[in-house]
Amino acid sequence: MTPLLWMGAAALGSWLLVTVLALEPVNPELLLAMVGPLVSAAASWIVTERTQRVAPARVIGVFVAAMFAKMVLFAAYIVIMVRLVGVRPVPFVIGFTGFFLGLLGIEALFLKRLLDHGMRSAPSA
């Protein structure tokens, strides 16, 4: 299964599980809390994979730059969701934090695998 499928399956599966098991209604906040981190994780992974193919030495720099971009975009996303859309802040922020950390963990695992594979396939000097 590709990293993008893992990210999507993990996010959708956890959203569905929490939605079904929650004692109080958690949507639309939980769904909106999932969308931002999932889209950003998918986008940064696509850029990271493409960078690995064309310039493997730049992968870590691209990954770090993507993290900084996410911080700026997420600050705006949270403000827009809470202030303009009017989601309930507590379920949104808790869900957002969980999805962000979970998807970041998946990205980190696949980044390690990508870098390990790159080290094994790199020509020795």
N, C-alpha and C. Protein backbone atom coordinates (compact mmCIF):
# COMPACT_ATOMS: atom_id res chain seq x y z
N MET A 1 0.85 -1.18 0.00
CA MET A 1 0.00 0.00 0.00
C MET A 1 0.90 1.25 0.00
N THR A 2 0.54 2.22 -0.80
CA THR A 2 1.35 3.42 -0.90
C THR A 2 1.18 4.32 0.32
N PRO A 3 2.14 5.20 0.57
CA PRO A 3 2.01 6.12 1.70
C PRO A 3 0.72 6.94 1.67
N LEU A 4 0.32 7.39 0.48
CA LEU A 4 -0.91 8.19 0.39
C LEU A 4 -2.13 7.36 0.80
N LEU A 5 -2.16 6.10 0.41
CA LEU A 5 -3.28 5.24 0.82
C LEU A 5 -3.26 4.99 2.32
N TRP A 6 -2.07 4.80 2.89
CA TRP A 6 -1.97 4.62 4.34
C TRP A 6 -2.48 5.85 5.08
N MET A 7 -2.07 7.03 4.61
CA MET A 7 -2.51 8.26 5.26
C MET A 7 -4.03 8.40 5.18
N GLY A 8 -4.57 8.19 3.99
CA GLY A 8 -6.01 8.31 3.81
C GLY A 8 -6.78 7.29 4.62
N ALA A 9 -6.32 6.04 4.60
CA ALA A 9 -7.01 4.99 5.34
C ALA A 9 -6.94 5.23 6.84
N ALA A 10 -5.78 5.66 7.34
CA ALA A 10 -5.64 5.92 8.77
C ALA A 10 -6.53 7.08 9.21
N ALA A 11 -6.54 8.15 8.41
CA ALA A 11 -7.34 9.32 8.77
C ALA A 11 -8.84 9.00 8.70
N LEU A 12 -9.27 8.41 7.60
CA LEU A 12 -10.69 8.09 7.46
C LEU A 12 -11.14 7.04 8.47
N GLY A 13 -10.30 6.05 8.70
CA GLY A 13 -10.65 5.01 9.67
C GLY A 13 -10.77 5.55 11.08
N SER A 14 -9.83 6.40 11.47
CA SER A 14 -9.90 6.96 12.82
C SER A 14 -11.06 7.94 12.95
N TRP A 15 -11.33 8.71 11.89
CA TRP A 15 -12.49 9.62 11.91
C TRP A 15 -13.78 8.81 12.10
N LEU A 16 -13.92 7.74 11.34
CA LEU A 16 -15.12 6.91 11.44
C LEU A 16 -15.23 6.27 12.82
N LEU A 17 -14.13 5.74 13.34
CA LEU A 17 -14.13 5.10 14.65
C LEU A 17 -14.54 6.08 15.75
N VAL A 18 -13.94 7.26 15.76
CA VAL A 18 -14.28 8.25 16.79
C VAL A 18 -15.72 8.72 16.62
N THR A 19 -16.15 8.91 15.38
CA THR A 19 -17.53 9.34 15.13
C THR A 19 -18.53 8.33 15.69
N VAL A 20 -18.24 7.06 15.51
CA VAL A 20 -19.16 6.01 15.98
C VAL A 20 -19.10 5.85 17.49
N LEU A 21 -17.91 5.95 18.08
CA LEU A 21 -17.75 5.67 19.50
C LEU A 21 -17.91 6.88 20.42
N ALA A 22 -17.92 8.07 19.86
CA ALA A 22 -18.00 9.28 20.69
C ALA A 22 -19.32 9.34 21.46
N LEU A 23 -19.23 9.80 22.70
CA LEU A 23 -20.42 9.92 23.54
C LEU A 23 -21.27 11.12 23.15
N GLU A 24 -20.65 12.12 22.53
CA GLU A 24 -21.35 13.32 22.07
C GLU A 24 -21.05 13.50 20.59
N PRO A 25 -21.89 14.23 19.88
CA PRO A 25 -21.60 14.49 18.45
C PRO A 25 -20.27 15.22 18.28
N VAL A 26 -19.46 14.76 17.33
CA VAL A 26 -18.14 15.36 17.11
C VAL A 26 -18.00 15.96 15.71
N ASN A 27 -19.02 15.81 14.90
CA ASN A 27 -18.95 16.34 13.54
C ASN A 27 -19.85 17.55 13.41
N PRO A 28 -19.52 18.50 12.60
CA PRO A 28 -18.54 18.50 11.51
C PRO A 28 -17.11 18.82 11.96
N GLU A 29 -16.93 19.15 13.25
CA GLU A 29 -15.59 19.56 13.73
C GLU A 29 -14.52 18.51 13.44
N LEU A 30 -14.82 17.25 13.72
CA LEU A 30 -13.80 16.22 13.54
C LEU A 30 -13.47 16.03 12.07
N LEU A 31 -14.47 16.07 11.22
CA LEU A 31 -14.22 15.95 9.79
C LEU A 31 -13.36 17.11 9.28
N LEU A 32 -13.70 18.32 9.68
CA LEU A 32 -12.91 19.47 9.27
C LEU A 32 -11.51 19.46 9.89
N ALA A 33 -11.39 18.90 11.09
CA ALA A 33 -10.08 18.76 11.74
C ALA A 33 -9.20 17.77 10.99
N MET A 34 -9.82 16.82 10.29
CA MET A 34 -9.07 15.81 9.53
C MET A 34 -8.62 16.36 8.19
N VAL A 35 -9.44 17.16 7.55
CA VAL A 35 -9.18 17.59 6.17
C VAL A 35 -7.86 18.33 6.02
N GLY A 36 -7.62 19.34 6.86
CA GLY A 36 -6.39 20.13 6.75
C GLY A 36 -5.12 19.29 6.87
N PRO A 37 -4.97 18.53 7.95
CA PRO A 37 -3.77 17.71 8.08
C PRO A 37 -3.63 16.64 6.99
N LEU A 38 -4.75 16.07 6.55
CA LEU A 38 -4.67 15.03 5.52
C LEU A 38 -4.23 15.62 4.18
N VAL A 39 -4.81 16.74 3.80
CA VAL A 39 -4.42 17.37 2.53
C VAL A 39 -2.96 17.81 2.58
N SER A 40 -2.56 18.40 3.69
CA SER A 40 -1.17 18.87 3.78
C SER A 40 -0.18 17.71 3.83
N ALA A 41 -0.52 16.65 4.53
CA ALA A 41 0.37 15.48 4.58
C ALA A 41 0.51 14.85 3.19
N ALA A 42 -0.59 14.75 2.48
CA ALA A 42 -0.55 14.18 1.13
C ALA A 42 0.28 15.07 0.20
N ALA A 43 0.06 16.37 0.27
CA ALA A 43 0.81 17.29 -0.60
C ALA A 43 2.30 17.26 -0.29
N SER A 44 2.65 17.30 0.99
CA SER A 44 4.08 17.30 1.33
C SER A 44 4.72 15.96 0.98
N TRP A 45 3.96 14.86 1.08
CA TRP A 45 4.52 13.57 0.71
C TRP A 45 4.79 13.49 -0.79
N ILE A 46 3.86 14.00 -1.58
CA ILE A 46 4.05 14.00 -3.03
C ILE A 46 5.30 14.79 -3.40
N VAL A 47 5.48 15.95 -2.79
CA VAL A 47 6.67 16.78 -3.05
C VAL A 47 7.94 16.06 -2.58
N THR A 48 7.86 15.42 -1.41
CA THR A 48 9.02 14.70 -0.88
C THR A 48 9.42 13.55 -1.79
N GLU A 49 8.45 12.77 -2.25
CA GLU A 49 8.75 11.64 -3.15
C GLU A 49 9.35 12.12 -4.47
N ARG A 50 8.81 13.18 -5.03
CA ARG A 50 9.33 13.71 -6.29
C ARG A 50 10.75 14.24 -6.10
N THR A 51 10.98 14.87 -4.96
CA THR A 51 12.33 15.37 -4.68
C THR A 51 13.31 14.21 -4.58
N GLN A 52 12.89 13.12 -3.95
CA GLN A 52 13.75 11.93 -3.82
C GLN A 52 14.16 11.41 -5.20
N ARG A 53 13.24 11.47 -6.15
CA ARG A 53 13.55 10.96 -7.50
C ARG A 53 14.53 11.86 -8.25
N VAL A 54 14.41 13.18 -8.08
CA VAL A 54 15.24 14.08 -8.89
C VAL A 54 16.45 14.65 -8.16
N ALA A 55 16.37 14.80 -6.84
CA ALA A 55 17.48 15.38 -6.08
C ALA A 55 17.48 14.82 -4.66
N PRO A 56 17.89 13.56 -4.50
CA PRO A 56 17.81 12.91 -3.19
C PRO A 56 18.48 13.67 -2.06
N ALA A 57 19.51 14.41 -2.34
CA ALA A 57 20.22 15.14 -1.28
C ALA A 57 19.37 16.28 -0.71
N ARG A 58 18.32 16.67 -1.40
CA ARG A 58 17.48 17.78 -0.95
C ARG A 58 16.25 17.33 -0.15
N VAL A 59 16.05 16.04 0.03
CA VAL A 59 14.83 15.53 0.65
C VAL A 59 14.59 16.10 2.05
N ILE A 60 15.59 16.06 2.89
CA ILE A 60 15.41 16.54 4.27
C ILE A 60 15.09 18.04 4.27
N GLY A 61 15.78 18.81 3.46
CA GLY A 61 15.50 20.24 3.38
C GLY A 61 14.08 20.51 2.92
N VAL A 62 13.61 19.77 1.95
CA VAL A 62 12.24 19.92 1.46
C VAL A 62 11.25 19.54 2.54
N PHE A 63 11.53 18.46 3.26
CA PHE A 63 10.63 18.01 4.33
C PHE A 63 10.55 19.07 5.44
N VAL A 64 11.67 19.64 5.81
CA VAL A 64 11.69 20.68 6.85
C VAL A 64 10.97 21.93 6.35
N ALA A 65 11.19 22.32 5.11
CA ALA A 65 10.49 23.49 4.55
C ALA A 65 8.98 23.25 4.54
N ALA A 66 8.57 22.03 4.23
CA ALA A 66 7.15 21.69 4.24
C ALA A 66 6.58 21.83 5.66
N MET A 67 7.35 21.45 6.67
CA MET A 67 6.88 21.59 8.05
C MET A 67 6.66 23.07 8.41
N PHE A 68 7.57 23.94 7.99
CA PHE A 68 7.39 25.37 8.26
C PHE A 68 6.17 25.91 7.52
N ALA A 69 5.99 25.49 6.28
CA ALA A 69 4.83 25.93 5.51
C ALA A 69 3.54 25.46 6.18
N LYS A 70 3.55 24.23 6.70
CA LYS A 70 2.37 23.71 7.39
C LYS A 70 2.04 24.55 8.62
N MET A 71 3.06 24.96 9.37
CA MET A 71 2.81 25.76 10.57
C MET A 71 2.07 27.05 10.22
N VAL A 72 2.51 27.72 9.17
CA VAL A 72 1.88 28.97 8.75
C VAL A 72 0.46 28.71 8.25
N LEU A 73 0.32 27.73 7.38
CA LEU A 73 -0.99 27.42 6.82
C LEU A 73 -1.97 26.93 7.88
N PHE A 74 -1.48 26.13 8.83
CA PHE A 74 -2.36 25.61 9.87
C PHE A 74 -2.83 26.71 10.81
N ALA A 75 -1.98 27.67 11.07
CA ALA A 75 -2.41 28.80 11.91
C ALA A 75 -3.59 29.50 11.24
N ALA A 76 -3.47 29.74 9.94
CA ALA A 76 -4.56 30.38 9.20
C ALA A 76 -5.79 29.48 9.14
N TYR A 77 -5.58 28.19 8.93
CA TYR A 77 -6.69 27.23 8.83
C TYR A 77 -7.48 27.18 10.14
N ILE A 78 -6.78 27.13 11.25
CA ILE A 78 -7.45 27.07 12.55
C ILE A 78 -8.25 28.34 12.81
N VAL A 79 -7.65 29.48 12.52
CA VAL A 79 -8.36 30.75 12.72
C VAL A 79 -9.60 30.80 11.83
N ILE A 80 -9.47 30.41 10.58
CA ILE A 80 -10.61 30.43 9.66
C ILE A 80 -11.72 29.50 10.15
N MET A 81 -11.35 28.30 10.56
CA MET A 81 -12.36 27.34 11.01
C MET A 81 -13.07 27.82 12.28
N VAL A 82 -12.33 28.35 13.22
CA VAL A 82 -12.93 28.74 14.50
C VAL A 82 -13.66 30.08 14.38
N ARG A 83 -13.04 31.06 13.76
CA ARG A 83 -13.62 32.41 13.72
C ARG A 83 -14.65 32.59 12.61
N LEU A 84 -14.33 32.11 11.41
CA LEU A 84 -15.23 32.35 10.28
C LEU A 84 -16.27 31.25 10.08
N VAL A 85 -15.83 30.00 10.14
CA VAL A 85 -16.77 28.90 9.94
C VAL A 85 -17.60 28.67 11.20
N GLY A 86 -16.99 28.91 12.35
CA GLY A 86 -17.72 28.80 13.61
C GLY A 86 -17.79 27.40 14.21
N VAL A 87 -16.76 26.59 13.96
CA VAL A 87 -16.74 25.26 14.57
C VAL A 87 -16.51 25.39 16.07
N ARG A 88 -16.93 24.38 16.80
CA ARG A 88 -16.67 24.36 18.24
C ARG A 88 -15.17 24.16 18.44
N PRO A 89 -14.52 25.07 19.16
CA PRO A 89 -13.05 25.02 19.25
C PRO A 89 -12.48 23.76 19.89
N VAL A 90 -13.07 23.27 20.97
CA VAL A 90 -12.46 22.15 21.69
C VAL A 90 -12.43 20.88 20.84
N PRO A 91 -13.54 20.39 20.29
CA PRO A 91 -13.43 19.17 19.48
C PRO A 91 -12.58 19.38 18.22
N PHE A 92 -12.64 20.59 17.67
CA PHE A 92 -11.84 20.85 16.46
C PHE A 92 -10.35 20.79 16.77
N VAL A 93 -9.93 21.49 17.81
CA VAL A 93 -8.49 21.55 18.14
C VAL A 93 -7.97 20.19 18.59
N ILE A 94 -8.76 19.47 19.38
CA ILE A 94 -8.33 18.13 19.80
C ILE A 94 -8.20 17.21 18.59
N GLY A 95 -9.21 17.24 17.73
CA GLY A 95 -9.16 16.40 16.53
C GLY A 95 -8.02 16.80 15.61
N PHE A 96 -7.86 18.09 15.41
CA PHE A 96 -6.79 18.59 14.54
C PHE A 96 -5.43 18.14 15.06
N THR A 97 -5.22 18.29 16.35
CA THR A 97 -3.93 17.88 16.94
C THR A 97 -3.69 16.39 16.74
N GLY A 98 -4.71 15.59 16.99
CA GLY A 98 -4.56 14.14 16.81
C GLY A 98 -4.26 13.75 15.37
N PHE A 99 -5.01 14.32 14.43
CA PHE A 99 -4.77 14.00 13.02
C PHE A 99 -3.40 14.50 12.57
N PHE A 100 -3.03 15.71 12.99
CA PHE A 100 -1.73 16.25 12.61
C PHE A 100 -0.60 15.34 13.10
N LEU A 101 -0.63 14.98 14.38
CA LEU A 101 0.44 14.15 14.94
C LEU A 101 0.45 12.75 14.33
N GLY A 102 -0.73 12.17 14.16
CA GLY A 102 -0.81 10.84 13.56
C GLY A 102 -0.28 10.82 12.14
N LEU A 103 -0.70 11.78 11.33
CA LEU A 103 -0.25 11.82 9.95
C LEU A 103 1.23 12.19 9.85
N LEU A 104 1.70 13.04 10.75
CA LEU A 104 3.13 13.34 10.78
C LEU A 104 3.93 12.08 11.11
N GLY A 105 3.43 11.28 12.03
CA GLY A 105 4.08 10.01 12.35
C GLY A 105 4.15 9.08 11.16
N ILE A 106 3.06 8.99 10.41
CA ILE A 106 3.06 8.15 9.20
C ILE A 106 4.06 8.69 8.18
N GLU A 107 4.06 10.01 8.00
CA GLU A 107 5.04 10.62 7.09
C GLU A 107 6.47 10.31 7.53
N ALA A 108 6.74 10.41 8.82
CA ALA A 108 8.09 10.16 9.33
C ALA A 108 8.51 8.71 9.08
N LEU A 109 7.59 7.77 9.29
CA LEU A 109 7.92 6.36 9.03
C LEU A 109 8.23 6.12 7.56
N PHE A 110 7.42 6.70 6.69
CA PHE A 110 7.68 6.52 5.26
C PHE A 110 8.91 7.30 4.80
N LEU A 111 9.20 8.43 5.44
CA LEU A 111 10.42 9.17 5.11
C LEU A 111 11.64 8.34 5.47
N LYS A 112 11.60 7.70 6.64
CA LYS A 112 12.72 6.83 7.04
C LYS A 112 12.89 5.71 6.02
N ARG A 113 11.79 5.12 5.62
CA ARG A 113 11.86 4.03 4.64
C ARG A 113 12.40 4.54 3.30
N LEU A 114 11.95 5.72 2.89
CA LEU A 114 12.42 6.31 1.64
C LEU A 114 13.92 6.58 1.69
N LEU A 115 14.37 7.15 2.82
CA LEU A 115 15.80 7.45 2.96
C LEU A 115 16.63 6.18 3.08
N ASP A 116 16.13 5.17 3.81
CA ASP A 116 16.85 3.90 3.90
C ASP A 116 16.99 3.25 2.54
N HIS A 117 15.93 3.29 1.77
CA HIS A 117 15.97 2.72 0.43
C HIS A 117 16.96 3.48 -0.46
N GLY A 118 16.96 4.81 -0.30
CA GLY A 118 17.89 5.63 -1.08
C GLY A 118 19.33 5.34 -0.72
N MET A 119 19.59 5.07 0.56
CA MET A 119 20.96 4.77 0.99
C MET A 119 21.41 3.42 0.42
N ARG A 120 20.51 2.46 0.38
CA ARG A 120 20.87 1.13 -0.15
C ARG A 120 21.09 1.18 -1.65
N SER A 121 20.34 2.03 -2.35
CA SER A 121 20.47 2.05 -3.81
C SER A 121 21.49 3.07 -4.30
N ALA A 122 22.07 3.86 -3.40
CA ALA A 122 23.06 4.87 -3.81
C ALA A 122 24.36 4.17 -4.20
N PRO A 123 24.98 4.63 -5.27
CA PRO A 123 26.26 4.02 -5.67
C PRO A 123 27.35 4.33 -4.64
N SER A 124 28.20 3.34 -4.37
CA SER A 124 29.27 3.57 -3.41
C SER A 124 30.46 4.19 -4.13
N ALA A 125 31.16 5.01 -3.37
CA ALA A 125 32.29 5.75 -3.97
C ALA A 125 33.57 4.99 -3.84
